[in-house]
N, C-alpha and C. Protein backbone atom coordinates (compact mmCIF):
# COMPACT_ATOMS: atom_id res chain seq x y z
N ASP A 1 0.86 -0.91 -0.44
CA ASP A 1 -0.21 -0.08 0.06
C ASP A 1 0.88 1.42 -0.47
N ASP A 2 0.26 2.39 -0.69
CA ASP A 2 0.92 3.77 -0.35
C ASP A 2 1.63 3.90 0.87
N GLU A 3 1.50 3.70 2.13
CA GLU A 3 1.60 4.37 3.48
C GLU A 3 2.79 3.44 3.39
N HIS A 4 3.61 2.25 3.08
CA HIS A 4 4.22 1.64 2.83
C HIS A 4 5.12 1.50 2.25
N ARG A 5 5.03 2.08 1.01
CA ARG A 5 6.14 1.88 -0.20
C ARG A 5 7.49 2.51 -0.35
N HIS A 6 7.81 2.88 1.06
CA HIS A 6 9.11 3.24 1.21
C HIS A 6 9.78 1.89 1.46
N GLY A 7 10.97 1.29 0.99
CA GLY A 7 12.15 0.74 1.73
C GLY A 7 13.20 1.24 2.18
N PHE A 8 13.95 0.45 3.17
CA PHE A 8 15.71 1.28 4.01
C PHE A 8 16.12 -0.04 3.90
N GLY A 9 17.57 0.50 3.78
CA GLY A 9 18.42 -0.30 3.95
C GLY A 9 18.90 -1.31 5.11
N ILE A 10 18.88 -2.20 4.96
CA ILE A 10 19.49 -3.17 5.85
C ILE A 10 20.50 -4.27 5.68
N THR A 11 21.28 -4.52 6.46
CA THR A 11 21.93 -5.68 6.16
C THR A 11 22.45 -6.53 7.04
N VAL A 12 22.82 -8.38 7.32
CA VAL A 12 22.58 -9.27 8.03
C VAL A 12 24.31 -9.35 7.58
N THR A 13 24.86 -9.72 8.67
CA THR A 13 26.58 -10.30 8.81
C THR A 13 26.52 -11.78 9.07
N ASP A 14 27.23 -12.22 8.68
CA ASP A 14 27.85 -13.72 9.07
C ASP A 14 27.08 -14.82 10.80
N ASP A 15 27.29 -12.92 11.46
CA ASP A 15 26.61 -13.90 12.93
C ASP A 15 25.59 -13.06 13.48
N ASP A 16 24.62 -13.24 12.12
CA ASP A 16 23.10 -12.84 12.56
C ASP A 16 23.01 -11.22 12.79
N THR A 17 24.14 -10.25 13.10
CA THR A 17 24.03 -9.25 13.78
C THR A 17 22.98 -8.40 12.35
N VAL A 18 22.46 -7.06 12.70
CA VAL A 18 21.71 -6.74 11.53
C VAL A 18 22.00 -5.21 12.17
N TYR A 19 22.02 -4.35 10.93
CA TYR A 19 22.14 -2.54 10.35
C TYR A 19 21.44 -2.25 9.75
N THR A 20 21.02 -1.82 10.00
CA THR A 20 19.78 -0.53 9.18
C THR A 20 19.97 1.02 10.20
N VAL A 21 19.65 1.36 8.95
CA VAL A 21 19.94 3.22 8.57
C VAL A 21 18.32 3.39 8.34
N PRO A 22 17.18 3.58 9.78
CA PRO A 22 15.95 4.16 9.58
C PRO A 22 16.18 5.03 8.98
N ALA A 23 15.07 5.43 8.47
CA ALA A 23 14.74 6.00 7.15
C ALA A 23 14.01 7.76 7.73
N TYR A 24 13.67 7.34 9.17
CA TYR A 24 12.98 9.02 9.98
C TYR A 24 13.99 9.11 10.90
N GLN A 25 15.00 9.94 10.60
CA GLN A 25 15.65 10.77 11.97
C GLN A 25 15.47 12.02 12.04
N GLY A 26 14.98 12.30 12.69
CA GLY A 26 14.35 13.49 12.34
C GLY A 26 13.55 13.84 12.06
N ILE A 27 13.02 15.19 11.95
CA ILE A 27 11.65 15.45 11.40
C ILE A 27 11.76 16.44 10.11
N CYS A 28 11.50 15.67 8.92
CA CYS A 28 11.34 16.39 7.55
C CYS A 28 10.56 16.50 7.48
N ARG A 29 9.65 17.80 6.85
CA ARG A 29 8.90 17.77 6.27
C ARG A 29 8.99 17.91 4.46
N GLU A 30 9.65 17.78 4.10
CA GLU A 30 10.05 17.88 3.20
C GLU A 30 10.06 16.81 1.93
N HIS A 31 10.29 15.60 2.64
CA HIS A 31 10.49 14.56 1.65
C HIS A 31 9.61 13.29 2.78
N ASN A 32 9.66 12.23 2.01
CA ASN A 32 8.63 11.03 2.25
C ASN A 32 9.40 10.42 3.90
N SER A 33 10.88 10.48 3.37
CA SER A 33 11.72 9.86 4.59
C SER A 33 13.27 10.44 4.44
N CYS A 34 13.73 9.95 5.30
CA CYS A 34 15.30 11.05 4.98
C CYS A 34 15.52 11.29 6.63
N VAL A 35 17.15 11.36 6.42
CA VAL A 35 17.43 11.54 7.74
C VAL A 35 17.94 13.09 7.89
N LYS A 36 17.83 13.32 9.18
CA LYS A 36 17.86 15.70 8.92
C LYS A 36 17.93 15.47 10.17
N GLY A 37 19.87 15.56 10.53
CA GLY A 37 20.19 16.19 11.71
C GLY A 37 21.77 14.73 11.76
N GLU A 38 21.40 14.57 13.01
CA GLU A 38 22.11 13.42 12.92
C GLU A 38 22.01 12.16 12.69
N LEU A 39 23.47 11.63 11.84
CA LEU A 39 23.16 10.58 10.96
C LEU A 39 23.66 9.12 11.61
N LYS A 40 22.96 8.53 12.10
CA LYS A 40 23.07 7.16 12.50
C LYS A 40 22.89 5.81 12.11
N VAL A 41 23.72 4.95 12.61
CA VAL A 41 23.56 3.14 11.70
C VAL A 41 23.13 2.69 13.55
N TYR A 42 22.19 2.23 12.79
CA TYR A 42 21.54 1.04 14.30
C TYR A 42 22.04 -0.19 13.69
N ARG A 43 22.61 -1.02 15.02
CA ARG A 43 22.93 -2.29 14.95
C ARG A 43 22.18 -3.22 16.44
N GLY A 44 21.65 -4.25 15.77
CA GLY A 44 20.80 -5.22 16.55
C GLY A 44 21.69 -6.55 16.30
N ARG A 45 22.12 -7.10 17.47
CA ARG A 45 22.60 -8.42 17.77
C ARG A 45 21.62 -9.42 17.95
N ARG A 46 22.08 -10.74 17.30
CA ARG A 46 21.37 -11.63 17.18
C ARG A 46 20.19 -11.96 18.57
N SER A 47 20.69 -11.65 20.11
CA SER A 47 20.67 -11.81 21.60
C SER A 47 19.04 -11.27 21.53
N GLY A 48 19.05 -10.14 20.13
CA GLY A 48 17.87 -9.95 20.36
C GLY A 48 17.52 -8.87 21.30
N GLY A 49 16.49 -7.86 21.14
CA GLY A 49 15.96 -6.50 21.63
C GLY A 49 16.90 -5.03 21.85
N VAL A 50 17.96 -5.37 21.43
CA VAL A 50 18.11 -4.12 21.81
C VAL A 50 19.30 -3.59 20.58
N TRP A 51 18.37 -2.30 20.55
CA TRP A 51 19.16 -1.80 19.35
C TRP A 51 20.38 -0.82 19.43
N GLU A 52 21.15 -0.74 19.15
CA GLU A 52 22.32 -0.01 19.35
C GLU A 52 22.07 1.33 18.65
N ALA A 53 22.91 2.68 18.45
CA ALA A 53 23.05 3.66 17.59
C ALA A 53 24.45 3.92 17.70
N LEU A 54 24.47 4.07 16.44
CA LEU A 54 26.22 3.96 15.93
C LEU A 54 26.97 5.22 15.14
N GLY A 55 27.39 6.26 15.92
CA GLY A 55 27.62 7.76 15.43
C GLY A 55 29.05 8.23 15.08
N ALA A 56 30.21 7.26 16.13
CA ALA A 56 31.44 7.52 16.29
C ALA A 56 31.79 7.75 14.55
N GLY A 57 32.65 9.38 14.23
CA GLY A 57 32.85 9.50 12.59
C GLY A 57 31.59 9.93 11.93
N LEU A 58 30.66 9.70 11.64
CA LEU A 58 29.48 9.91 11.07
C LEU A 58 29.19 11.51 11.49
N PRO A 59 28.53 12.14 10.06
CA PRO A 59 28.23 13.67 10.14
C PRO A 59 27.13 14.12 11.00
N ARG A 60 27.29 15.14 11.91
CA ARG A 60 25.89 15.62 13.21
C ARG A 60 24.82 16.38 11.97
N SER A 61 25.35 16.91 11.44
CA SER A 61 23.85 17.70 10.57
C SER A 61 24.36 17.42 9.35
N VAL A 62 22.87 16.43 8.89
CA VAL A 62 23.16 15.87 7.59
C VAL A 62 21.35 16.61 7.32
N HIS A 63 20.88 16.27 6.07
CA HIS A 63 19.62 16.34 4.87
C HIS A 63 19.82 15.25 4.36
N THR A 64 19.78 14.38 3.99
CA THR A 64 19.76 13.07 3.01
C THR A 64 19.31 11.71 3.15
N CYS A 65 19.48 10.83 2.85
CA CYS A 65 18.70 9.17 2.62
C CYS A 65 19.96 8.35 2.20
N VAL A 66 19.42 7.08 2.91
CA VAL A 66 19.82 5.87 2.52
C VAL A 66 18.99 4.86 1.85
N LEU A 67 19.35 4.89 0.57
CA LEU A 67 18.38 3.88 -0.07
C LEU A 67 18.63 2.69 0.42
N ARG A 68 17.47 1.82 -0.22
CA ARG A 68 17.23 -0.16 0.57
C ARG A 68 18.20 -0.48 -0.03
N ASP A 69 19.26 -0.34 -1.31
CA ASP A 69 20.36 -0.98 -1.76
C ASP A 69 21.67 -0.35 -1.38
N ALA A 70 21.70 0.18 -0.15
CA ALA A 70 22.87 1.42 -0.40
C ALA A 70 23.49 1.38 0.90
N LEU A 71 23.21 -0.28 1.44
CA LEU A 71 23.84 -0.54 2.80
C LEU A 71 24.34 -2.01 2.62
N SER A 72 25.47 -2.40 2.90
CA SER A 72 26.07 -3.97 2.58
C SER A 72 27.22 -3.98 3.67
N SER A 73 27.08 -5.30 3.98
CA SER A 73 28.82 -5.80 5.05
C SER A 73 29.07 -6.85 4.11
N ASP A 74 30.27 -7.28 4.94
CA ASP A 74 31.56 -7.98 4.30
C ASP A 74 31.29 -9.58 4.83
N SER A 75 32.18 -10.37 5.11
CA SER A 75 31.72 -11.55 5.91
C SER A 75 33.06 -11.44 6.87
N LEU A 76 34.15 -10.49 6.69
CA LEU A 76 35.26 -10.68 7.60
C LEU A 76 34.75 -10.65 9.10
N GLU A 77 35.79 -10.50 10.60
CA GLU A 77 35.44 -10.25 11.75
C GLU A 77 36.30 -9.53 11.86
N PRO A 78 36.20 -8.47 12.82
CA PRO A 78 34.70 -7.61 12.78
C PRO A 78 34.05 -7.27 11.40
N PRO A 79 32.93 -7.66 11.12
CA PRO A 79 32.58 -6.70 9.65
C PRO A 79 32.70 -5.85 9.25
N GLY A 80 33.46 -5.53 7.94
CA GLY A 80 32.77 -4.10 7.46
C GLY A 80 31.64 -4.07 7.13
N VAL A 81 30.99 -2.95 7.26
CA VAL A 81 29.71 -2.28 6.92
C VAL A 81 29.74 -1.31 5.88
N TYR A 82 29.09 -0.83 5.05
CA TYR A 82 29.28 0.35 3.65
C TYR A 82 27.84 0.56 4.13
N PHE A 83 27.83 2.05 3.60
CA PHE A 83 26.31 2.64 2.96
C PHE A 83 27.12 3.80 2.33
N GLY A 84 25.47 4.20 1.21
CA GLY A 84 26.14 5.41 0.49
C GLY A 84 24.94 6.24 0.69
N THR A 85 24.39 7.38 -0.02
CA THR A 85 23.77 8.97 0.78
C THR A 85 23.32 9.28 -0.57
N THR A 86 22.06 9.88 -0.31
CA THR A 86 22.01 10.57 -1.94
C THR A 86 21.95 12.06 -1.74
N SER A 87 22.51 11.74 -1.25
CA SER A 87 23.67 13.35 -1.08
C SER A 87 25.12 12.73 -2.17
N GLY A 88 25.22 11.73 -1.93
CA GLY A 88 26.58 11.47 -3.05
C GLY A 88 28.16 11.34 -1.80
N GLU A 89 27.80 10.81 -0.58
CA GLU A 89 28.96 10.61 0.29
C GLU A 89 28.63 8.70 0.64
N VAL A 90 29.90 8.25 0.51
CA VAL A 90 30.12 6.57 1.16
C VAL A 90 30.50 6.75 2.29
N PHE A 91 30.14 5.97 3.10
CA PHE A 91 30.92 5.41 4.23
C PHE A 91 30.85 4.42 5.12
N ALA A 92 32.11 3.94 5.43
CA ALA A 92 32.60 2.31 5.81
C ALA A 92 33.14 2.59 7.48
N SER A 93 32.26 1.48 7.91
CA SER A 93 33.42 0.92 9.31
C SER A 93 33.93 -0.49 8.85
N VAL A 94 35.37 -0.82 9.18
CA VAL A 94 35.73 -1.97 9.60
C VAL A 94 35.64 -2.47 11.02
N ASP A 95 35.38 -1.69 11.82
CA ASP A 95 35.31 -2.67 13.08
C ASP A 95 34.05 -3.10 13.32
N GLY A 96 32.91 -3.43 12.53
CA GLY A 96 31.61 -3.55 13.28
C GLY A 96 30.61 -2.72 13.24
N GLY A 97 30.76 -1.36 13.26
CA GLY A 97 30.16 -0.34 13.00
C GLY A 97 30.54 0.80 14.09
N ASP A 98 31.90 -0.12 15.27
CA ASP A 98 31.83 0.84 16.32
C ASP A 98 32.22 2.44 15.94
N SER A 99 33.49 2.67 14.49
CA SER A 99 33.80 3.27 14.10
C SER A 99 33.41 3.48 12.36
N TRP A 100 33.23 5.05 12.34
CA TRP A 100 32.71 5.22 10.89
C TRP A 100 34.22 6.28 10.31
N ARG A 101 33.78 6.03 8.83
CA ARG A 101 34.73 7.08 8.20
C ARG A 101 34.15 7.46 6.91
N ARG A 102 34.25 8.91 6.10
CA ARG A 102 33.57 8.53 4.83
C ARG A 102 35.00 8.35 3.99
N LEU A 103 34.89 7.62 2.85
CA LEU A 103 35.62 7.53 1.92
C LEU A 103 35.70 7.97 0.78
N LEU A 104 34.13 8.75 0.51
CA LEU A 104 34.30 9.26 -0.99
C LEU A 104 33.14 9.98 -0.52
N GLY A 105 32.93 11.42 -1.68
CA GLY A 105 32.35 12.54 -0.87
C GLY A 105 31.83 13.25 -2.55
N GLY A 106 30.87 14.19 -2.30
CA GLY A 106 30.88 14.89 -3.49
C GLY A 106 30.44 14.69 -4.92
N VAL A 107 29.89 13.41 -4.84
CA VAL A 107 29.08 12.86 -6.19
C VAL A 107 27.59 12.65 -6.49
N SER A 108 27.67 12.22 -7.28
CA SER A 108 26.07 11.89 -7.50
C SER A 108 25.43 11.37 -6.02
N ARG A 109 24.06 11.06 -6.55
CA ARG A 109 22.85 9.74 -5.63
C ARG A 109 23.75 9.05 -5.79
N ILE A 110 23.63 8.14 -4.71
CA ILE A 110 23.88 6.79 -4.58
C ILE A 110 23.04 6.08 -4.42
N GLN A 111 22.79 5.23 -5.56
CA GLN A 111 21.34 4.09 -5.67
C GLN A 111 21.95 2.54 -4.88
N GLY A 112 23.12 2.67 -4.68
CA GLY A 112 23.28 1.10 -4.16
C GLY A 112 24.80 0.84 -3.90
N VAL A 113 25.43 -0.02 -2.78
CA VAL A 113 25.93 -0.36 -2.09
C VAL A 113 26.60 -2.06 -2.28
N GLU A 114 27.49 -2.10 -2.39
CA GLU A 114 27.72 -3.72 -2.11
C GLU A 114 29.62 -3.89 -1.93
N SER A 115 29.47 -4.89 -1.07
CA SER A 115 30.94 -5.31 -0.75
C SER A 115 31.07 -7.02 -0.70
N PHE A 116 32.36 -6.72 -1.40
CA PHE A 116 32.79 -8.67 -0.95
C PHE A 116 34.30 -8.37 -0.72
N VAL A 117 34.65 -9.79 -0.45
CA VAL A 117 35.90 -10.25 -0.05
C VAL A 117 36.69 -10.87 -1.02
N VAL A 118 37.74 -10.27 -1.81
CA VAL A 118 39.08 -11.20 -2.95
C VAL A 118 40.02 -11.95 -1.59
N ASP A 119 40.18 -13.06 -1.84
CA ASP A 119 41.30 -13.68 -1.39
C ASP A 119 42.18 -14.23 -2.73
């Protein structure tokens, strides 16, 4: 139905840890779903019930979206987690989301992000 037509980015690692960027972080009356304000990734461990907000190294003042295909993780331990924004930035964490850094900025809208490990 129209009320639930927007997907959101979600990725699950090999140890069943879930990462997501909720679409409604802050109040934005211009768009149906976006992050306005502090950008956070949320981590839920397989033990369940508790979501951790992860933001170390992420921008504190944004107005952007993370599309459903723009969040990915790899199979390393700890897992690498990667996402792109509609404002043209790509962020990465190599420590399971505990800290983040910007890999790329100033490009056009990021539609999707994929990750893989090369042996």
